[in-house]
């Protein structure tokens, strides 16, 4: 179980860094759904790993990060924006 939860955390971190890198190099729009999904999945992965390791400040940060992603995706869906 430790290995699985460590992998979930590493994948989450990699997704967040990937999204940040893609936006920073103008290869992906920061206002698009793809970026928001990457951030949402990444933050959930880190939140799970952080909770398992009782790293509560990181859990809180990633909970807020995920909530921002959900709100952004809902807004994009209402506007009919897919990318």
PDB file of N, CA and C in Angstrom:
ATOM      1  N   UNK A   1       0.819  -1.191   0.000  1.00  0.00           N
ATOM      2  CA  UNK A   1       0.000   0.000   0.000  1.00  0.00           C
ATOM      3  C   UNK A   1       0.866   1.259   0.000  1.00  0.00           C
ATOM      4  N   UNK A   2       1.980   1.216   0.734  1.00  0.00           N
ATOM      5  CA  UNK A   2       2.882   2.368   0.770  1.00  0.00           C
ATOM      6  C   UNK A   2       3.374   2.723  -0.631  1.00  0.00           C
ATOM      7  N   UNK A   3       3.759   1.706  -1.385  1.00  0.00           N
ATOM      8  CA  UNK A   3       4.279   1.948  -2.735  1.00  0.00           C
ATOM      9  C   UNK A   3       3.205   2.552  -3.640  1.00  0.00           C
ATOM     10  N   UNK A   4       1.989   2.048  -3.551  1.00  0.00           N
ATOM     11  CA  UNK A   4       0.892   2.568  -4.369  1.00  0.00           C
ATOM     12  C   UNK A   4       0.629   4.038  -4.054  1.00  0.00           C
ATOM     13  N   UNK A   5       0.564   4.371  -2.777  1.00  0.00           N
ATOM     14  CA  UNK A   5       0.280   5.754  -2.392  1.00  0.00           C
ATOM     15  C   UNK A   5       1.449   6.683  -2.697  1.00  0.00           C
ATOM     16  N   UNK A   6       2.659   6.163  -2.633  1.00  0.00           N
ATOM     17  CA  UNK A   6       3.818   6.959  -3.060  1.00  0.00           C
ATOM     18  C   UNK A   6       3.733   7.232  -4.556  1.00  0.00           C
ATOM     19  N   UNK A   7       3.360   6.217  -5.335  1.00  0.00           N
ATOM     20  CA  UNK A   7       3.220   6.393  -6.788  1.00  0.00           C
ATOM     21  C   UNK A   7       2.126   7.404  -7.116  1.00  0.00           C
ATOM     22  N   UNK A   8       1.011   7.352  -6.393  1.00  0.00           N
ATOM     23  CA  UNK A   8      -0.079   8.317  -6.603  1.00  0.00           C
ATOM     24  C   UNK A   8       0.433   9.736  -6.361  1.00  0.00           C
ATOM     25  N   UNK A   9       1.208   9.918  -5.314  1.00  0.00           N
ATOM     26  CA  UNK A   9       1.773  11.238  -5.013  1.00  0.00           C
ATOM     27  C   UNK A   9       2.744  11.709  -6.081  1.00  0.00           C
ATOM     28  N   UNK A  10       3.619  10.817  -6.523  1.00  0.00           N
ATOM     29  CA  UNK A  10       4.591  11.187  -7.564  1.00  0.00           C
ATOM     30  C   UNK A  10       3.899  11.502  -8.885  1.00  0.00           C
ATOM     31  N   UNK A  11       2.889  10.739  -9.227  1.00  0.00           N
ATOM     32  CA  UNK A  11       2.138  11.012 -10.460  1.00  0.00           C
ATOM     33  C   UNK A  11       1.439  12.365 -10.342  1.00  0.00           C
ATOM     34  N   UNK A  12       0.846  12.633  -9.187  1.00  0.00           N
ATOM     35  CA  UNK A  12       0.206  13.934  -8.977  1.00  0.00           C
ATOM     36  C   UNK A  12       1.186  15.080  -9.124  1.00  0.00           C
ATOM     37  N   UNK A  13       2.361  14.938  -8.512  1.00  0.00           N
ATOM     38  CA  UNK A  13       3.382  15.982  -8.624  1.00  0.00           C
ATOM     39  C   UNK A  13       3.824  16.158 -10.070  1.00  0.00           C
ATOM     40  N   UNK A  14       4.015  15.043 -10.771  1.00  0.00           N
ATOM     41  CA  UNK A  14       4.448  15.111 -12.172  1.00  0.00           C
ATOM     42  C   UNK A  14       3.394  15.809 -13.032  1.00  0.00           C
ATOM     43  N   UNK A  15       2.116  15.522 -12.779  1.00  0.00           N
ATOM     44  CA  UNK A  15       1.053  16.172 -13.544  1.00  0.00           C
ATOM     45  C   UNK A  15       1.029  17.676 -13.301  1.00  0.00           C
ATOM     46  N   UNK A  16       1.169  18.089 -12.062  1.00  0.00           N
ATOM     47  CA  UNK A  16       1.180  19.521 -11.776  1.00  0.00           C
ATOM     48  C   UNK A  16       2.362  20.206 -12.445  1.00  0.00           C
ATOM     49  N   UNK A  17       3.523  19.592 -12.377  1.00  0.00           N
ATOM     50  CA  UNK A  17       4.705  20.170 -13.022  1.00  0.00           C
ATOM     51  C   UNK A  17       4.568  20.176 -14.543  1.00  0.00           C
ATOM     52  N   UNK A  18       3.992  19.117 -15.096  1.00  0.00           N
ATOM     53  CA  UNK A  18       3.767  19.046 -16.538  1.00  0.00           C
ATOM     54  C   UNK A  18       2.851  20.181 -16.992  1.00  0.00           C
ATOM     55  N   UNK A  19       1.734  20.359 -16.306  1.00  0.00           N
ATOM     56  CA  UNK A  19       0.797  21.428 -16.655  1.00  0.00           C
ATOM     57  C   UNK A  19       1.441  22.795 -16.553  1.00  0.00           C
ATOM     58  N   UNK A  20       2.177  23.023 -15.487  1.00  0.00           N
ATOM     59  CA  UNK A  20       2.856  24.305 -15.290  1.00  0.00           C
ATOM     60  C   UNK A  20       3.875  24.552 -16.397  1.00  0.00           C
ATOM     61  N   UNK A  21       4.633  23.518 -16.713  1.00  0.00           N
ATOM     62  CA  UNK A  21       5.624  23.644 -17.781  1.00  0.00           C
ATOM     63  C   UNK A  21       4.990  23.919 -19.132  1.00  0.00           C
ATOM     64  N   UNK A  22       3.900  23.238 -19.424  1.00  0.00           N
ATOM     65  CA  UNK A  22       3.223  23.429 -20.712  1.00  0.00           C
ATOM     66  C   UNK A  22       2.667  24.844 -20.846  1.00  0.00           C
ATOM     67  N   UNK A  23       2.080  25.360 -19.785  1.00  0.00           N
ATOM     68  CA  UNK A  23       1.550  26.723 -19.830  1.00  0.00           C
ATOM     69  C   UNK A  23       2.694  27.732 -19.889  1.00  0.00           C
ATOM     70  N   UNK A  24       3.747  27.492 -19.117  1.00  0.00           N
ATOM     71  CA  UNK A  24       4.874  28.420 -19.076  1.00  0.00           C
ATOM     72  C   UNK A  24       5.611  28.516 -20.402  1.00  0.00           C
ATOM     73  N   UNK A  25       5.561  27.457 -21.187  1.00  0.00           N
ATOM     74  CA  UNK A  25       6.224  27.467 -22.496  1.00  0.00           C
ATOM     75  C   UNK A  25       5.237  27.720 -23.632  1.00  0.00           C
ATOM     76  N   UNK A  26       4.040  28.140 -23.286  1.00  0.00           N
ATOM     77  CA  UNK A  26       2.974  28.465 -24.252  1.00  0.00           C
ATOM     78  C   UNK A  26       2.582  27.283 -25.137  1.00  0.00           C
ATOM     79  N   UNK A  27       2.703  26.085 -24.628  1.00  0.00           N
ATOM     80  CA  UNK A  27       2.288  24.895 -25.372  1.00  0.00           C
ATOM     81  C   UNK A  27       0.875  24.447 -25.016  1.00  0.00           C
ATOM     82  N   UNK A  28       0.313  25.105 -23.997  1.00  0.00           N
ATOM     83  CA  UNK A  28      -1.047  24.799 -23.564  1.00  0.00           C
ATOM     84  C   UNK A  28      -1.639  26.074 -22.984  1.00  0.00           C
ATOM     85  N   UNK A  29      -2.924  26.250 -23.170  1.00  0.00           N
ATOM     86  CA  UNK A  29      -3.603  27.423 -22.629  1.00  0.00           C
ATOM     87  C   UNK A  29      -3.922  27.217 -21.153  1.00  0.00           C
ATOM     88  N   UNK A  30      -3.587  28.199 -20.352  1.00  0.00           N
ATOM     89  CA  UNK A  30      -3.923  28.142 -18.937  1.00  0.00           C
ATOM     90  C   UNK A  30      -5.407  28.303 -18.681  1.00  0.00           C
ATOM     91  N   UNK A  31      -6.138  28.765 -19.678  1.00  0.00           N
ATOM     92  CA  UNK A  31      -7.567  28.954 -19.520  1.00  0.00           C
ATOM     93  C   UNK A  31      -8.392  27.817 -20.077  1.00  0.00           C
ATOM     94  N   UNK A  32      -7.732  26.725 -20.475  1.00  0.00           N
ATOM     95  CA  UNK A  32      -8.455  25.624 -21.109  1.00  0.00           C
ATOM     96  C   UNK A  32      -8.793  24.493 -20.157  1.00  0.00           C
ATOM     97  N   UNK A  33      -9.718  23.663 -20.594  1.00  0.00           N
ATOM     98  CA  UNK A  33     -10.171  22.531 -19.787  1.00  0.00           C
ATOM     99  C   UNK A  33      -9.057  21.503 -19.586  1.00  0.00           C
ATOM    100  N   UNK A  34      -8.224  21.298 -20.610  1.00  0.00           N
ATOM    101  CA  UNK A  34      -7.151  20.302 -20.492  1.00  0.00           C
ATOM    102  C   UNK A  34      -6.215  20.629 -19.334  1.00  0.00           C
ATOM    103  N   UNK A  35      -5.838  21.891 -19.238  1.00  0.00           N
ATOM    104  CA  UNK A  35      -4.970  22.334 -18.144  1.00  0.00           C
ATOM    105  C   UNK A  35      -5.662  22.155 -16.793  1.00  0.00           C
ATOM    106  N   UNK A  36      -6.934  22.502 -16.732  1.00  0.00           N
ATOM    107  CA  UNK A  36      -7.669  22.377 -15.474  1.00  0.00           C
ATOM    108  C   UNK A  36      -7.796  20.918 -15.038  1.00  0.00           C
ATOM    109  N   UNK A  37      -8.015  20.019 -15.980  1.00  0.00           N
ATOM    110  CA  UNK A  37      -8.111  18.590 -15.649  1.00  0.00           C
ATOM    111  C   UNK A  37      -6.768  18.078 -15.143  1.00  0.00           C
ATOM    112  N   UNK A  38      -5.686  18.465 -15.806  1.00  0.00           N
ATOM    113  CA  UNK A  38      -4.349  18.057 -15.359  1.00  0.00           C
ATOM    114  C   UNK A  38      -4.113  18.532 -13.932  1.00  0.00           C
ATOM    115  N   UNK A  39      -4.438  19.787 -13.649  1.00  0.00           N
ATOM    116  CA  UNK A  39      -4.262  20.321 -12.296  1.00  0.00           C
ATOM    117  C   UNK A  39      -5.156  19.624 -11.282  1.00  0.00           C
ATOM    118  N   UNK A  40      -6.384  19.357 -11.663  1.00  0.00           N
ATOM    119  CA  UNK A  40      -7.314  18.700 -10.746  1.00  0.00           C
ATOM    120  C   UNK A  40      -6.830  17.296 -10.387  1.00  0.00           C
ATOM    121  N   UNK A  41      -6.476  16.511 -11.382  1.00  0.00           N
ATOM    122  CA  UNK A  41      -6.010  15.145 -11.129  1.00  0.00           C
ATOM    123  C   UNK A  41      -4.702  15.162 -10.341  1.00  0.00           C
ATOM    124  N   UNK A  42      -3.806  16.063 -10.703  1.00  0.00           N
ATOM    125  CA  UNK A  42      -2.535  16.166  -9.976  1.00  0.00           C
ATOM    126  C   UNK A  42      -2.731  16.536  -8.520  1.00  0.00           C
ATOM    127  N   UNK A  43      -3.598  17.499  -8.267  1.00  0.00           N
ATOM    128  CA  UNK A  43      -3.813  17.926  -6.880  1.00  0.00           C
ATOM    129  C   UNK A  43      -4.500  16.837  -6.054  1.00  0.00           C
ATOM    130  N   UNK A  44      -5.402  16.088  -6.672  1.00  0.00           N
ATOM    131  CA  UNK A  44      -6.046  14.983  -5.952  1.00  0.00           C
ATOM    132  C   UNK A  44      -5.013  13.905  -5.608  1.00  0.00           C
ATOM    133  N   UNK A  45      -4.127  13.599  -6.543  1.00  0.00           N
ATOM    134  CA  UNK A  45      -3.071  12.621  -6.266  1.00  0.00           C
ATOM    135  C   UNK A  45      -2.187  13.046  -5.109  1.00  0.00           C
ATOM    136  N   UNK A  46      -1.787  14.304  -5.110  1.00  0.00           N
ATOM    137  CA  UNK A  46      -0.963  14.799  -4.003  1.00  0.00           C
ATOM    138  C   UNK A  46      -1.749  14.864  -2.697  1.00  0.00           C
ATOM    139  N   UNK A  47      -3.031  15.187  -2.782  1.00  0.00           N
ATOM    140  CA  UNK A  47      -3.865  15.246  -1.585  1.00  0.00           C
ATOM    141  C   UNK A  47      -3.968  13.862  -0.935  1.00  0.00           C
ATOM    142  N   UNK A  48      -4.168  12.838  -1.740  1.00  0.00           N
ATOM    143  CA  UNK A  48      -4.263  11.465  -1.218  1.00  0.00           C
ATOM    144  C   UNK A  48      -2.960  11.068  -0.541  1.00  0.00           C
ATOM    145  N   UNK A  49      -1.851  11.323  -1.219  1.00  0.00           N
ATOM    146  CA  UNK A  49      -0.543  10.979  -0.658  1.00  0.00           C
ATOM    147  C   UNK A  49      -0.273  11.771   0.619  1.00  0.00           C
ATOM    148  N   UNK A  50      -0.594  13.041   0.607  1.00  0.00           N
ATOM    149  CA  UNK A  50      -0.350  13.884   1.777  1.00  0.00           C
ATOM    150  C   UNK A  50      -1.201  13.455   2.962  1.00  0.00           C
ATOM    151  N   UNK A  51      -2.451  13.103   2.719  1.00  0.00           N
ATOM    152  CA  UNK A  51      -3.317  12.640   3.803  1.00  0.00           C
ATOM    153  C   UNK A  51      -2.786  11.343   4.403  1.00  0.00           C
ATOM    154  N   UNK A  52      -2.338  10.447   3.548  1.00  0.00           N
ATOM    155  CA  UNK A  52      -1.780   9.180   4.022  1.00  0.00           C
ATOM    156  C   UNK A  52      -0.567   9.419   4.917  1.00  0.00           C
ATOM    157  N   UNK A  53       0.213  10.437   4.567  1.00  0.00           N
ATOM    158  CA  UNK A  53       1.421  10.749   5.331  1.00  0.00           C
ATOM    159  C   UNK A  53       1.185  11.805   6.410  1.00  0.00           C
ATOM    160  N   UNK A  54      -0.075  12.166   6.647  1.00  0.00           N
ATOM    161  CA  UNK A  54      -0.467  13.147   7.668  1.00  0.00           C
ATOM    162  C   UNK A  54       0.225  14.489   7.472  1.00  0.00           C
ATOM    163  N   UNK A  55       0.416  14.878   6.210  1.00  0.00           N
ATOM    164  CA  UNK A  55       0.985  16.187   5.879  1.00  0.00           C
ATOM    165  C   UNK A  55      -0.183  17.145   5.644  1.00  0.00           C
ATOM    166  N   UNK A  56      -0.806  17.581   6.728  1.00  0.00           N
ATOM    167  CA  UNK A  56      -2.068  18.306   6.659  1.00  0.00           C
ATOM    168  C   UNK A  56      -1.996  19.647   5.948  1.00  0.00           C
ATOM    169  N   UNK A  57      -0.914  20.420   6.077  1.00  0.00           N
ATOM    170  CA  UNK A  57      -0.851  21.657   5.287  1.00  0.00           C
ATOM    171  C   UNK A  57      -0.901  21.380   3.779  1.00  0.00           C
ATOM    172  N   UNK A  58      -0.240  20.334   3.338  1.00  0.00           N
ATOM    173  CA  UNK A  58      -0.269  19.966   1.922  1.00  0.00           C
ATOM    174  C   UNK A  58      -1.652  19.474   1.513  1.00  0.00           C
ATOM    175  N   UNK A  59      -2.324  18.748   2.393  1.00  0.00           N
ATOM    176  CA  UNK A  59      -3.697  18.312   2.117  1.00  0.00           C
ATOM    177  C   UNK A  59      -4.585  19.533   1.908  1.00  0.00           C
ATOM    178  N   UNK A  60      -4.476  20.513   2.804  1.00  0.00           N
ATOM    179  CA  UNK A  60      -5.281  21.728   2.690  1.00  0.00           C
ATOM    180  C   UNK A  60      -5.010  22.492   1.406  1.00  0.00           C
ATOM    181  N   UNK A  61      -3.744  22.639   1.085  1.00  0.00           N
ATOM    182  CA  UNK A  61      -3.366  23.330  -0.149  1.00  0.00           C
ATOM    183  C   UNK A  61      -3.958  22.633  -1.365  1.00  0.00           C
ATOM    184  N   UNK A  62      -3.817  21.328  -1.430  1.00  0.00           N
ATOM    185  CA  UNK A  62      -4.300  20.583  -2.585  1.00  0.00           C
ATOM    186  C   UNK A  62      -5.816  20.479  -2.621  1.00  0.00           C
ATOM    187  N   UNK A  63      -6.463  20.544  -1.483  1.00  0.00           N
ATOM    188  CA  UNK A  63      -7.924  20.600  -1.454  1.00  0.00           C
ATOM    189  C   UNK A  63      -8.412  21.892  -2.109  1.00  0.00           C
ATOM    190  N   UNK A  64      -7.777  23.006  -1.749  1.00  0.00           N
ATOM    191  CA  UNK A  64      -8.135  24.294  -2.358  1.00  0.00           C
ATOM    192  C   UNK A  64      -7.795  24.278  -3.846  1.00  0.00           C
ATOM    193  N   UNK A  65      -6.630  23.739  -4.204  1.00  0.00           N
ATOM    194  CA  UNK A  65      -6.204  23.647  -5.602  1.00  0.00           C
ATOM    195  C   UNK A  65      -7.233  22.856  -6.419  1.00  0.00           C
ATOM    196  N   UNK A  66      -7.685  21.744  -5.865  1.00  0.00           N
ATOM    197  CA  UNK A  66      -8.686  20.921  -6.553  1.00  0.00           C
ATOM    198  C   UNK A  66     -10.014  21.666  -6.679  1.00  0.00           C
ATOM    199  N   UNK A  67     -10.407  22.371  -5.636  1.00  0.00           N
ATOM    200  CA  UNK A  67     -11.662  23.125  -5.677  1.00  0.00           C
ATOM    201  C   UNK A  67     -11.611  24.206  -6.755  1.00  0.00           C
ATOM    202  N   UNK A  68     -10.485  24.878  -6.877  1.00  0.00           N
ATOM    203  CA  UNK A  68     -10.322  25.885  -7.931  1.00  0.00           C
ATOM    204  C   UNK A  68     -10.465  25.222  -9.301  1.00  0.00           C
ATOM    205  N   UNK A  69      -9.877  24.047  -9.459  1.00  0.00           N
ATOM    206  CA  UNK A  69      -9.990  23.326 -10.725  1.00  0.00           C
ATOM    207  C   UNK A  69     -11.416  22.939 -11.050  1.00  0.00           C
ATOM    208  N   UNK A  70     -12.154  22.487 -10.051  1.00  0.00           N
ATOM    209  CA  UNK A  70     -13.554  22.098 -10.272  1.00  0.00           C
ATOM    210  C   UNK A  70     -14.374  23.318 -10.672  1.00  0.00           C
ATOM    211  N   UNK A  71     -14.183  24.424  -9.969  1.00  0.00           N
ATOM    212  CA  UNK A  71     -14.927  25.648 -10.290  1.00  0.00           C
ATOM    213  C   UNK A  71     -14.595  26.105 -11.709  1.00  0.00           C
ATOM    214  N   UNK A  72     -13.321  26.070 -12.081  1.00  0.00           N
ATOM    215  CA  UNK A  72     -12.915  26.479 -13.431  1.00  0.00           C
ATOM    216  C   UNK A  72     -13.522  25.564 -14.488  1.00  0.00           C
ATOM    217  N   UNK A  73     -13.543  24.259 -14.230  1.00  0.00           N
ATOM    218  CA  UNK A  73     -14.130  23.322 -15.198  1.00  0.00           C
ATOM    219  C   UNK A  73     -15.635  23.521 -15.340  1.00  0.00           C
ATOM    220  N   UNK A  74     -16.301  23.800 -14.246  1.00  0.00           N
ATOM    221  CA  UNK A  74     -17.746  24.066 -14.311  1.00  0.00           C
ATOM    222  C   UNK A  74     -17.984  25.327 -15.137  1.00  0.00           C
ATOM    223  N   UNK A  75     -17.195  26.354 -14.890  1.00  0.00           N
ATOM    224  CA  UNK A  75     -17.336  27.600 -15.649  1.00  0.00           C
ATOM    225  C   UNK A  75     -17.088  27.355 -17.134  1.00  0.00           C
ATOM    226  N   UNK A  76     -16.031  26.608 -17.462  1.00  0.00           N
ATOM    227  CA  UNK A  76     -15.726  26.307 -18.867  1.00  0.00           C
ATOM    228  C   UNK A  76     -16.851  25.492 -19.508  1.00  0.00           C
ATOM    229  N   UNK A  77     -17.411  24.562 -18.756  1.00  0.00           N
ATOM    230  CA  UNK A  77     -18.508  23.747 -19.291  1.00  0.00           C
ATOM    231  C   UNK A  77     -19.726  24.614 -19.580  1.00  0.00           C
ATOM    232  N   UNK A  78     -20.011  25.540 -18.697  1.00  0.00           N
ATOM    233  CA  UNK A  78     -21.160  26.443 -18.911  1.00  0.00           C
ATOM    234  C   UNK A  78     -20.953  27.333 -20.127  1.00  0.00           C
ATOM    235  N   UNK A  79     -19.693  27.697 -20.371  1.00  0.00           N
ATOM    236  CA  UNK A  79     -19.376  28.523 -21.538  1.00  0.00           C
ATOM    237  C   UNK A  79     -19.216  27.710 -22.810  1.00  0.00           C
ATOM    238  N   UNK A  80     -19.184  26.393 -22.666  1.00  0.00           N
ATOM    239  CA  UNK A  80     -19.019  25.513 -23.825  1.00  0.00           C
ATOM    240  C   UNK A  80     -17.612  25.475 -24.365  1.00  0.00           C
ATOM    241  N   UNK A  81     -16.632  25.736 -23.491  1.00  0.00           N
ATOM    242  CA  UNK A  81     -15.217  25.732 -23.902  1.00  0.00           C
ATOM    243  C   UNK A  81     -14.611  24.392 -23.521  1.00  0.00           C
ATOM    244  N   UNK A  82     -14.046  23.697 -24.501  1.00  0.00           N
ATOM    245  CA  UNK A  82     -13.512  22.357 -24.263  1.00  0.00           C
ATOM    246  C   UNK A  82     -11.994  22.328 -24.194  1.00  0.00           C
ATOM    247  N   UNK A  83     -11.290  23.302 -24.732  1.00  0.00           N
ATOM    248  CA  UNK A  83      -9.822  23.243 -24.716  1.00  0.00           C
ATOM    249  C   UNK A  83      -9.217  24.350 -23.935  1.00  0.00           C
TER     250      UNK A  83
END
